[in-house]
Amino acid sequence: MRTLLRKSIAGLTLVGVLSVTAAATSVPAQAQSLGRIIGVAFQDRNGNGRREANEPVLRVARYKVTDGGRFWVCGPVFGNSAYNVGVPAGTYYVMPIAGPAEYATVPVIKVDVRAGQNVRVDLPFGTNALAVADNCGAYAPKRTARVPMGIPETIMGQGLVTLMTAIETAGLFNTLSGPGPFTVFAPSDLAFAKFTDSELKAILADKALLTSILTYHVVPGRLTANDVVNSDSLTTVNGKTLAVTIDAETGDVFVGGARVKTVDLNAANGVVHVIDTVLVP
């Protein structure tokens, strides 16, 4: 009798982007190369994402600021004390980070910051289940509308940075955002680290090879952990099959020789299972 994987459920979240602008303020000459993003956390009672006069400041909250690449910072906000982040000129995403029973009415706030400019971005929290706030990973959302999280957002939510880089390089972001449904066996960053730097660069530089590898990790349909362990093999979008085996002693499940580490990360258009090895067809 096949051993069932322990399920780890990730709920659906909603992602939205609110653009903000602010007038530049004067700063000392030595700080002209930086801008600053400042603000407080507040109870967004009417759910419009903007602080009104009757909406109180929250005593304790958390935030993240990221450029979606090399820069990100996470920190706390305490009561009336505003958070204050110095950033080089550029485009940034400001994200409230929810605690228990907290939701972000606008979970992603996109802002352009110029050198020497202060931009105020207050963090809107509500009690209605509109959107679960982001975590402290380095990524930034790619969606610009309030829509259910798809496969790419779910992968980003797990902090699988190298896989997301590969998906974008191969031009598969929109495909994996489509209706599907898809089941994705997602290699962790440690899985990609099994390649040498030169090997990984060569794979990323060869779009045909990269696409072949990535589609070898995708199976049509929504296959839960139960579905996987009750299958002998799975046919991938690549056209090749993956054998499903179970270690009789440990109960570990292997797909195509890769150990399944995390299961049943649900997305709006499918499900993601994290594996420890990159599968090469």
C-alpha atoms as a PDB file:
ATOM      1  CA  MET A   1       0.000   0.000   0.000  1.00  0.00           C
ATOM      2  CA  ARG A   2       1.440   3.332  -1.008  1.00  0.00           C
ATOM      3  CA  THR A   3       2.452   5.748   1.729  1.00  0.00           C
ATOM      4  CA  LEU A   4       0.772   9.144   1.550  1.00  0.00           C
ATOM      5  CA  LEU A   5       2.832  12.299   1.663  1.00  0.00           C
ATOM      6  CA  ARG A   6       2.212  14.699   4.468  1.00  0.00           C
ATOM      7  CA  LYS A   7       0.360  17.649   2.977  1.00  0.00           C
ATOM      8  CA  SER A   8       1.539  21.213   3.357  1.00  0.00           C
ATOM      9  CA  ILE A   9      -1.254  23.504   2.241  1.00  0.00           C
ATOM     10  CA  ALA A  10      -0.608  27.024   1.002  1.00  0.00           C
ATOM     11  CA  GLY A  11      -3.837  29.028   0.730  1.00  0.00           C
ATOM     12  CA  LEU A  12      -4.755  31.110  -2.268  1.00  0.00           C
ATOM     13  CA  THR A  13      -3.872  34.762  -1.949  1.00  0.00           C
ATOM     14  CA  LEU A  14      -4.715  37.791  -3.937  1.00  0.00           C
ATOM     15  CA  VAL A  15      -2.113  40.128  -5.361  1.00  0.00           C
ATOM     16  CA  GLY A  16      -2.742  43.723  -6.299  1.00  0.00           C
ATOM     17  CA  VAL A  17      -0.657  46.731  -7.208  1.00  0.00           C
ATOM     18  CA  LEU A  18      -1.404  50.312  -6.251  1.00  0.00           C
ATOM     19  CA  SER A  19       0.786  52.997  -7.822  1.00  0.00           C
ATOM     20  CA  VAL A  20       1.644  55.980  -5.621  1.00  0.00           C
ATOM     21  CA  THR A  21       3.339  59.302  -6.215  1.00  0.00           C
ATOM     22  CA  ALA A  22       4.695  62.023  -3.964  1.00  0.00           C
ATOM     23  CA  ALA A  23       6.379  65.391  -4.280  1.00  0.00           C
ATOM     24  CA  ALA A  24      10.126  65.583  -3.760  1.00  0.00           C
ATOM     25  CA  THR A  25      11.381  67.173  -0.558  1.00  0.00           C
ATOM     26  CA  SER A  26      14.733  68.745   0.080  1.00  0.00           C
ATOM     27  CA  VAL A  27      17.511  66.618   1.564  1.00  0.00           C
ATOM     28  CA  PRO A  28      21.140  67.323   2.422  1.00  0.00           C
ATOM     29  CA  ALA A  29      23.504  67.401  -0.551  1.00  0.00           C
ATOM     30  CA  GLN A  30      25.369  64.295   0.609  1.00  0.00           C
ATOM     31  CA  ALA A  31      22.136  62.275   0.452  1.00  0.00           C
ATOM     32  CA  GLN A  32      21.068  63.410  -3.023  1.00  0.00           C
ATOM     33  CA  SER A  33      21.799  59.985  -4.534  1.00  0.00           C
ATOM     34  CA  LEU A  34      19.166  58.332  -2.340  1.00  0.00           C
ATOM     35  CA  GLY A  35      15.426  58.614  -2.037  1.00  0.00           C
ATOM     36  CA  ARG A  36      13.418  57.469   0.961  1.00  0.00           C
ATOM     37  CA  ILE A  37      10.227  55.457   1.386  1.00  0.00           C
ATOM     38  CA  ILE A  38       8.420  56.254   4.614  1.00  0.00           C
ATOM     39  CA  GLY A  39       5.071  55.486   6.200  1.00  0.00           C
ATOM     40  CA  VAL A  40       3.044  53.944   9.002  1.00  0.00           C
ATOM     41  CA  ALA A  41       0.779  50.905   9.255  1.00  0.00           C
ATOM     42  CA  PHE A  42      -2.933  51.648   9.618  1.00  0.00           C
ATOM     43  CA  GLN A  43      -6.311  49.963   9.930  1.00  0.00           C
ATOM     44  CA  ASP A  44      -7.874  50.273   6.481  1.00  0.00           C
ATOM     45  CA  ARG A  45     -11.509  50.311   7.574  1.00  0.00           C
ATOM     46  CA  ASN A  46     -13.009  51.155   4.191  1.00  0.00           C
ATOM     47  CA  GLY A  47     -10.639  48.916   2.221  1.00  0.00           C
ATOM     48  CA  ASN A  48      -9.552  51.562  -0.285  1.00  0.00           C
ATOM     49  CA  GLY A  49      -5.821  51.199   0.428  1.00  0.00           C
ATOM     50  CA  ARG A  50      -5.384  54.855   1.455  1.00  0.00           C
ATOM     51  CA  ARG A  51      -5.326  56.195   4.977  1.00  0.00           C
ATOM     52  CA  GLU A  52      -8.291  58.394   5.919  1.00  0.00           C
ATOM     53  CA  ALA A  53      -8.486  60.720   8.913  1.00  0.00           C
ATOM     54  CA  ASN A  54     -10.557  58.249  10.960  1.00  0.00           C
ATOM     55  CA  GLU A  55      -8.316  55.225  10.326  1.00  0.00           C
ATOM     56  CA  PRO A  56      -5.983  54.588  13.286  1.00  0.00           C
ATOM     57  CA  VAL A  57      -2.330  53.611  13.229  1.00  0.00           C
ATOM     58  CA  LEU A  58      -1.610  50.009  14.199  1.00  0.00           C
ATOM     59  CA  ARG A  59       0.570  49.432  17.252  1.00  0.00           C
ATOM     60  CA  VAL A  60       2.787  46.776  15.638  1.00  0.00           C
ATOM     61  CA  ALA A  61       3.157  45.685  12.005  1.00  0.00           C
ATOM     62  CA  ARG A  62       5.791  44.578   9.503  1.00  0.00           C
ATOM     63  CA  TYR A  63       6.745  45.675   6.006  1.00  0.00           C
ATOM     64  CA  LYS A  64       8.959  44.727   3.073  1.00  0.00           C
ATOM     65  CA  VAL A  65      10.516  46.943   0.401  1.00  0.00           C
ATOM     66  CA  THR A  66      12.037  45.302  -2.685  1.00  0.00           C
ATOM     67  CA  ASP A  67      13.107  46.202  -6.203  1.00  0.00           C
ATOM     68  CA  GLY A  68      12.351  42.652  -7.313  1.00  0.00           C
ATOM     69  CA  GLY A  69      16.023  41.881  -7.783  1.00  0.00           C
ATOM     70  CA  ARG A  70      19.087  42.603  -5.679  1.00  0.00           C
ATOM     71  CA  PHE A  71      17.532  44.926  -3.088  1.00  0.00           C
ATOM     72  CA  TRP A  72      15.069  44.091  -0.370  1.00  0.00           C
ATOM     73  CA  VAL A  73      14.608  44.915   3.282  1.00  0.00           C
ATOM     74  CA  CYS A  74      12.099  43.789   5.895  1.00  0.00           C
ATOM     75  CA  GLY A  75      11.385  45.394   9.231  1.00  0.00           C
ATOM     76  CA  PRO A  76       8.869  46.294  11.928  1.00  0.00           C
ATOM     77  CA  VAL A  77       6.659  49.354  12.265  1.00  0.00           C
ATOM     78  CA  PHE A  78       5.798  50.442  15.818  1.00  0.00           C
ATOM     79  CA  GLY A  79       2.751  52.609  16.398  1.00  0.00           C
ATOM     80  CA  ASN A  80       3.190  56.220  15.334  1.00  0.00           C
ATOM     81  CA  SER A  81       6.868  55.661  14.493  1.00  0.00           C
ATOM     82  CA  ALA A  82       7.122  55.619  10.705  1.00  0.00           C
ATOM     83  CA  TYR A  83       9.357  53.181   8.902  1.00  0.00           C
ATOM     84  CA  ASN A  84      12.036  54.904   6.845  1.00  0.00           C
ATOM     85  CA  VAL A  85      14.006  53.150   4.097  1.00  0.00           C
ATOM     86  CA  GLY A  86      16.731  54.788   2.024  1.00  0.00           C
ATOM     87  CA  VAL A  87      16.821  53.528  -1.572  1.00  0.00           C
ATOM     88  CA  PRO A  88      18.620  54.374  -4.810  1.00  0.00           C
ATOM     89  CA  ALA A  89      16.455  55.897  -7.524  1.00  0.00           C
ATOM     90  CA  GLY A  90      14.253  53.251  -9.146  1.00  0.00           C
ATOM     91  CA  THR A  91      11.006  51.284  -9.015  1.00  0.00           C
ATOM     92  CA  TYR A  92      10.113  49.531  -5.767  1.00  0.00           C
ATOM     93  CA  TYR A  93       7.375  47.327  -4.339  1.00  0.00           C
ATOM     94  CA  VAL A  94       6.225  48.016  -0.789  1.00  0.00           C
ATOM     95  CA  MET A  95       4.423  45.145   0.900  1.00  0.00           C
ATOM     96  CA  PRO A  96       2.698  44.882   4.249  1.00  0.00           C
ATOM     97  CA  ILE A  97       3.398  41.571   5.985  1.00  0.00           C
ATOM     98  CA  ALA A  98       0.353  40.136   7.725  1.00  0.00           C
ATOM     99  CA  GLY A  99       0.264  38.548  11.141  1.00  0.00           C
ATOM    100  CA  PRO A 100      -2.454  36.263  12.535  1.00  0.00           C
ATOM    101  CA  ALA A 101      -5.951  37.295  11.388  1.00  0.00           C
ATOM    102  CA  GLU A 102      -4.449  40.220   9.438  1.00  0.00           C
ATOM    103  CA  TYR A 103      -4.906  40.956   5.762  1.00  0.00           C
ATOM    104  CA  ALA A 104      -3.535  43.587   3.424  1.00  0.00           C
ATOM    105  CA  THR A 105      -6.253  45.427   1.519  1.00  0.00           C
ATOM    106  CA  VAL A 106      -3.609  46.391  -1.071  1.00  0.00           C
ATOM    107  CA  PRO A 107      -0.830  43.824  -0.621  1.00  0.00           C
ATOM    108  CA  VAL A 108       1.570  45.266  -3.193  1.00  0.00           C
ATOM    109  CA  ILE A 109       2.204  48.985  -3.650  1.00  0.00           C
ATOM    110  CA  LYS A 110       4.342  49.957  -6.640  1.00  0.00           C
ATOM    111  CA  VAL A 111       6.251  53.202  -6.350  1.00  0.00           C
ATOM    112  CA  ASP A 112       8.833  55.102  -8.396  1.00  0.00           C
ATOM    113  CA  VAL A 113      11.444  56.932  -6.325  1.00  0.00           C
ATOM    114  CA  ARG A 114      13.757  59.651  -7.616  1.00  0.00           C
ATOM    115  CA  ALA A 115      17.051  60.678  -6.029  1.00  0.00           C
ATOM    116  CA  GLY A 116      16.463  63.078  -3.155  1.00  0.00           C
ATOM    117  CA  GLN A 117      12.725  62.295  -3.019  1.00  0.00           C
ATOM    118  CA  ASN A 118      10.688  61.204  -0.010  1.00  0.00           C
ATOM    119  CA  VAL A 119       7.709  59.011  -0.918  1.00  0.00           C
ATOM    120  CA  ARG A 120       5.077  58.225   1.668  1.00  0.00           C
ATOM    121  CA  VAL A 121       3.593  54.733   1.510  1.00  0.00           C
ATOM    122  CA  ASP A 122       1.289  53.860   4.408  1.00  0.00           C
ATOM    123  CA  LEU A 123       0.628  50.158   4.902  1.00  0.00           C
ATOM    124  CA  PRO A 124      -3.093  49.228   4.687  1.00  0.00           C
ATOM    125  CA  PHE A 125      -4.269  46.376   6.934  1.00  0.00           C
ATOM    126  CA  GLY A 126      -7.852  45.139   7.216  1.00  0.00           C
ATOM    127  CA  THR A 127      -9.754  42.311   8.866  1.00  0.00           C
ATOM    128  CA  ASN A 128     -11.598  41.048   5.789  1.00  0.00           C
ATOM    129  CA  ALA A 129      -9.989  38.236   3.799  1.00  0.00           C
ATOM    130  CA  LEU A 130      -9.147  40.348   0.753  1.00  0.00           C
ATOM    131  CA  ALA A 131      -5.461  39.532   0.436  1.00  0.00           C
ATOM    132  CA  VAL A 132      -2.885  37.746   2.531  1.00  0.00           C
ATOM    133  CA  ALA A 133       0.215  39.892   2.697  1.00  0.00           C
ATOM    134  CA  ASP A 134       3.573  38.949   1.268  1.00  0.00           C
ATOM    135  CA  ASN A 135       6.547  37.356   3.027  1.00  0.00           C
ATOM    136  CA  CYS A 136      10.190  38.447   3.235  1.00  0.00           C
ATOM    137  CA  GLY A 137      11.543  36.753   0.106  1.00  0.00           C
ATOM    138  CA  ALA A 138      13.605  38.731  -2.368  1.00  0.00           C
ATOM    139  CA  TYR A 139      11.168  38.497  -5.256  1.00  0.00           C
ATOM    140  CA  ALA A 140       8.567  41.001  -6.391  1.00  0.00           C
ATOM    141  CA  PRO A 141       5.152  40.079  -7.811  1.00  0.00           C
ATOM    142  CA  LYS A 142       4.840  40.146 -11.592  1.00  0.00           C
ATOM    143  CA  ARG A 143       1.059  40.545 -11.654  1.00  0.00           C
ATOM    144  CA  THR A 144      -0.324  44.070 -11.813  1.00  0.00           C
ATOM    145  CA  ALA A 145      -3.968  43.306 -11.148  1.00  0.00           C
ATOM    146  CA  ARG A 146      -5.813  41.889  -8.186  1.00  0.00           C
ATOM    147  CA  VAL A 147      -6.186  38.311  -9.357  1.00  0.00           C
ATOM    148  CA  PRO A 148      -5.807  34.920  -7.664  1.00  0.00           C
ATOM    149  CA  MET A 149      -2.266  33.665  -7.334  1.00  0.00           C
ATOM    150  CA  GLY A 150      -1.253  31.448 -10.217  1.00  0.00           C
ATOM    151  CA  ILE A 151       1.635  29.014 -10.575  1.00  0.00           C
ATOM    152  CA  PRO A 152       4.337  31.747 -10.915  1.00  0.00           C
ATOM    153  CA  GLU A 153       3.175  33.650  -7.834  1.00  0.00           C
ATOM    154  CA  THR A 154       3.017  30.419  -5.844  1.00  0.00           C
ATOM    155  CA  ILE A 155       6.570  29.564  -6.896  1.00  0.00           C
ATOM    156  CA  MET A 156       7.720  33.067  -5.957  1.00  0.00           C
ATOM    157  CA  GLY A 157       5.939  32.723  -2.632  1.00  0.00           C
ATOM    158  CA  GLN A 158       8.216  29.788  -1.809  1.00  0.00           C
ATOM    159  CA  GLY A 159      11.294  31.908  -2.557  1.00  0.00           C
ATOM    160  CA  LEU A 160      12.366  29.708  -5.487  1.00  0.00           C
ATOM    161  CA  VAL A 161      14.421  32.471  -7.056  1.00  0.00           C
ATOM    162  CA  THR A 162      16.496  30.409  -9.489  1.00  0.00           C
ATOM    163  CA  LEU A 163      13.439  28.606 -10.851  1.00  0.00           C
ATOM    164  CA  MET A 164      11.652  31.930 -11.382  1.00  0.00           C
ATOM    165  CA  THR A 165      14.701  33.271 -13.201  1.00  0.00           C
ATOM    166  CA  ALA A 166      14.645  30.207 -15.447  1.00  0.00           C
ATOM    167  CA  ILE A 167      10.904  30.528 -16.120  1.00  0.00           C
ATOM    168  CA  GLU A 168      11.238  34.175 -17.096  1.00  0.00           C
ATOM    169  CA  THR A 169      14.345  33.528 -19.199  1.00  0.00           C
ATOM    170  CA  ALA A 170      12.510  30.802 -21.112  1.00  0.00           C
ATOM    171  CA  GLY A 171       9.490  33.059 -21.645  1.00  0.00           C
ATOM    172  CA  LEU A 172       7.139  30.672 -19.817  1.00  0.00           C
ATOM    173  CA  PHE A 173       5.737  33.107 -17.241  1.00  0.00           C
ATOM    174  CA  ASN A 174       2.563  33.831 -19.211  1.00  0.00           C
ATOM    175  CA  THR A 175       2.078  30.167 -20.120  1.00  0.00           C
ATOM    176  CA  LEU A 176       2.223  29.133 -16.468  1.00  0.00           C
ATOM    177  CA  SER A 177      -0.157  31.981 -15.647  1.00  0.00           C
ATOM    178  CA  GLY A 178      -2.710  30.563 -18.101  1.00  0.00           C
ATOM    179  CA  PRO A 179      -5.827  28.572 -17.241  1.00  0.00           C
ATOM    180  CA  GLY A 180      -4.075  25.202 -17.101  1.00  0.00           C
ATOM    181  CA  PRO A 181      -4.449  23.478 -14.800  1.00  0.00           C
ATOM    182  CA  PHE A 182      -0.823  22.454 -14.326  1.00  0.00           C
ATOM    183  CA  THR A 183       1.105  20.382 -11.824  1.00  0.00           C
ATOM    184  CA  VAL A 184       4.647  21.697 -11.394  1.00  0.00           C
ATOM    185  CA  PHE A 185       7.487  19.817  -9.726  1.00  0.00           C
ATOM    186  CA  ALA A 186       9.535  22.819  -8.687  1.00  0.00           C
ATOM    187  CA  PRO A 187      13.276  22.419  -8.029  1.00  0.00           C
ATOM    188  CA  SER A 188      14.528  24.303  -4.988  1.00  0.00           C
ATOM    189  CA  ASP A 189      17.458  26.714  -5.140  1.00  0.00           C
ATOM    190  CA  LEU A 190      19.586  23.960  -3.562  1.00  0.00           C
ATOM    191  CA  ALA A 191      18.594  21.691  -6.443  1.00  0.00           C
ATOM    192  CA  PHE A 192      19.923  24.216  -8.957  1.00  0.00           C
ATOM    193  CA  ALA A 193      23.051  24.603  -6.824  1.00  0.00           C
ATOM    194  CA  LYS A 194      24.009  21.043  -7.774  1.00  0.00           C
ATOM    195  CA  PHE A 195      25.036  22.501 -11.138  1.00  0.00           C
ATOM    196  CA  THR A 196      28.323  24.352 -11.367  1.00  0.00           C
ATOM    197  CA  ASP A 197      28.090  28.072 -12.153  1.00  0.00           C
ATOM    198  CA  SER A 198      29.249  27.457 -15.700  1.00  0.00           C
ATOM    199  CA  GLU A 199      26.738  24.633 -16.229  1.00  0.00           C
ATOM    200  CA  LEU A 200      23.853  26.744 -14.960  1.00  0.00           C
ATOM    201  CA  LYS A 201      24.875  29.719 -17.098  1.00  0.00           C
ATOM    202  CA  ALA A 202      25.044  27.461 -20.150  1.00  0.00           C
ATOM    203  CA  ILE A 203      21.546  26.114 -19.477  1.00  0.00           C
ATOM    204  CA  LEU A 204      20.082  29.583 -19.007  1.00  0.00           C
ATOM    205  CA  ALA A 205      21.786  30.768 -22.188  1.00  0.00           C
ATOM    206  CA  ASP A 206      20.277  27.956 -24.298  1.00  0.00           C
ATOM    207  CA  LYS A 207      16.566  28.770 -24.516  1.00  0.00           C
ATOM    208  CA  ALA A 208      15.641  25.547 -26.326  1.00  0.00           C
ATOM    209  CA  LEU A 209      17.422  23.417 -23.718  1.00  0.00           C
ATOM    210  CA  LEU A 210      16.022  25.467 -20.870  1.00  0.00           C
ATOM    211  CA  THR A 211      12.471  25.179 -22.199  1.00  0.00           C
ATOM    212  CA  SER A 212      12.902  21.414 -22.614  1.00  0.00           C
ATOM    213  CA  ILE A 213      14.075  21.095 -19.017  1.00  0.00           C
ATOM    214  CA  LEU A 214      11.337  23.277 -17.548  1.00  0.00           C
ATOM    215  CA  THR A 215       8.498  21.591 -19.457  1.00  0.00           C
ATOM    216  CA  TYR A 216       9.857  18.260 -18.178  1.00  0.00           C
ATOM    217  CA  HIS A 217       8.821  19.487 -14.717  1.00  0.00           C
ATOM    218  CA  VAL A 218       5.215  20.260 -15.722  1.00  0.00           C
ATOM    219  CA  VAL A 219       2.367  17.746 -15.924  1.00  0.00           C
ATOM    220  CA  PRO A 220      -1.059  18.674 -17.322  1.00  0.00           C
ATOM    221  CA  GLY A 221      -3.863  18.675 -14.762  1.00  0.00           C
ATOM    222  CA  ARG A 222      -4.053  19.315 -11.032  1.00  0.00           C
ATOM    223  CA  LEU A 223      -2.375  16.352  -9.325  1.00  0.00           C
ATOM    224  CA  THR A 224      -2.368  16.371  -5.542  1.00  0.00           C
ATOM    225  CA  ALA A 225       0.076  14.368  -3.433  1.00  0.00           C
ATOM    226  CA  ASN A 226      -2.490  11.550  -3.289  1.00  0.00           C
ATOM    227  CA  ASP A 227      -2.743  11.530  -7.067  1.00  0.00           C
ATOM    228  CA  VAL A 228       1.032  11.429  -7.454  1.00  0.00           C
ATOM    229  CA  VAL A 229       1.689   8.563  -5.043  1.00  0.00           C
ATOM    230  CA  ASN A 230      -1.068   6.512  -6.624  1.00  0.00           C
ATOM    231  CA  SER A 231       0.545   6.817 -10.056  1.00  0.00           C
ATOM    232  CA  ASP A 232       3.351   4.716 -11.520  1.00  0.00           C
ATOM    233  CA  SER A 233       4.388   7.378 -14.049  1.00  0.00           C
ATOM    234  CA  LEU A 234       3.407  10.860 -15.176  1.00  0.00           C
ATOM    235  CA  THR A 235       3.445  12.268 -18.707  1.00  0.00           C
ATOM    236  CA  THR A 236       4.951  15.749 -18.841  1.00  0.00           C
ATOM    237  CA  VAL A 237       4.266  18.716 -21.114  1.00  0.00           C
ATOM    238  CA  ASN A 238       7.668  17.895 -22.612  1.00  0.00           C
ATOM    239  CA  GLY A 239       6.136  14.620 -23.874  1.00  0.00           C
ATOM    240  CA  LYS A 240       8.419  12.411 -21.785  1.00  0.00           C
ATOM    241  CA  THR A 241       7.373  10.479 -18.703  1.00  0.00           C
ATOM    242  CA  LEU A 242       8.471  10.639 -15.070  1.00  0.00           C
ATOM    243  CA  ALA A 243       8.569   7.466 -13.004  1.00  0.00           C
ATOM    244  CA  VAL A 244       7.009   7.665  -9.529  1.00  0.00           C
ATOM    245  CA  THR A 245       8.670   5.535  -6.853  1.00  0.00           C
ATOM    246  CA  ILE A 246       8.415   5.290  -3.081  1.00  0.00           C
ATOM    247  CA  ASP A 247      11.184   4.337  -0.686  1.00  0.00           C
ATOM    248  CA  ALA A 248       9.827   1.339   1.244  1.00  0.00           C
ATOM    249  CA  GLU A 249      11.803   2.208   4.391  1.00  0.00           C
ATOM    250  CA  THR A 250      11.419   5.989   4.630  1.00  0.00           C
ATOM    251  CA  GLY A 251       8.200   6.507   2.685  1.00  0.00           C
ATOM    252  CA  ASP A 252       9.920   9.251   0.661  1.00  0.00           C
ATOM    253  CA  VAL A 253       8.387   9.803  -2.761  1.00  0.00           C
ATOM    254  CA  PHE A 254      10.573  10.255  -5.832  1.00  0.00           C
ATOM    255  CA  VAL A 255       9.459  11.676  -9.165  1.00  0.00           C
ATOM    256  CA  GLY A 256      11.908  11.062 -11.985  1.00  0.00           C
ATOM    257  CA  GLY A 257      14.571  10.360  -9.349  1.00  0.00           C
ATOM    258  CA  ALA A 258      14.012  13.647  -7.484  1.00  0.00           C
ATOM    259  CA  ARG A 259      12.821  13.521  -3.887  1.00  0.00           C
ATOM    260  CA  VAL A 260       9.568  15.383  -3.233  1.00  0.00           C
ATOM    261  CA  LYS A 261      10.171  17.772  -0.311  1.00  0.00           C
ATOM    262  CA  THR A 262       7.019  19.905  -0.038  1.00  0.00           C
ATOM    263  CA  VAL A 263       3.605  19.055  -1.439  1.00  0.00           C
ATOM    264  CA  ASP A 264       0.224  20.514  -2.336  1.00  0.00           C
ATOM    265  CA  LEU A 265       1.065  24.199  -2.678  1.00  0.00           C
ATOM    266  CA  ASN A 266      -2.226  25.185  -4.231  1.00  0.00           C
ATOM    267  CA  ALA A 267      -2.461  27.834  -6.935  1.00  0.00           C
ATOM    268  CA  ALA A 268      -5.434  29.219  -8.814  1.00  0.00           C
ATOM    269  CA  ASN A 269      -4.429  27.287 -11.928  1.00  0.00           C
ATOM    270  CA  GLY A 270      -2.801  24.191 -10.506  1.00  0.00           C
ATOM    271  CA  VAL A 271      -0.572  22.823  -7.782  1.00  0.00           C
ATOM    272  CA  VAL A 272       3.157  22.965  -6.984  1.00  0.00           C
ATOM    273  CA  HIS A 273       5.314  20.288  -5.340  1.00  0.00           C
ATOM    274  CA  VAL A 274       8.911  21.196  -4.412  1.00  0.00           C
ATOM    275  CA  ILE A 275      11.670  18.706  -5.319  1.00  0.00           C
ATOM    276  CA  ASP A 276      15.362  18.461  -4.446  1.00  0.00           C
ATOM    277  CA  THR A 277      16.833  17.850  -7.914  1.00  0.00           C
ATOM    278  CA  VAL A 278      16.555  19.462 -11.344  1.00  0.00           C
ATOM    279  CA  LEU A 279      15.185  16.886 -13.778  1.00  0.00           C
ATOM    280  CA  VAL A 280      16.967  16.712 -17.130  1.00  0.00           C
ATOM    281  CA  PRO A 281      15.145  14.866 -19.960  1.00  0.00           C
END
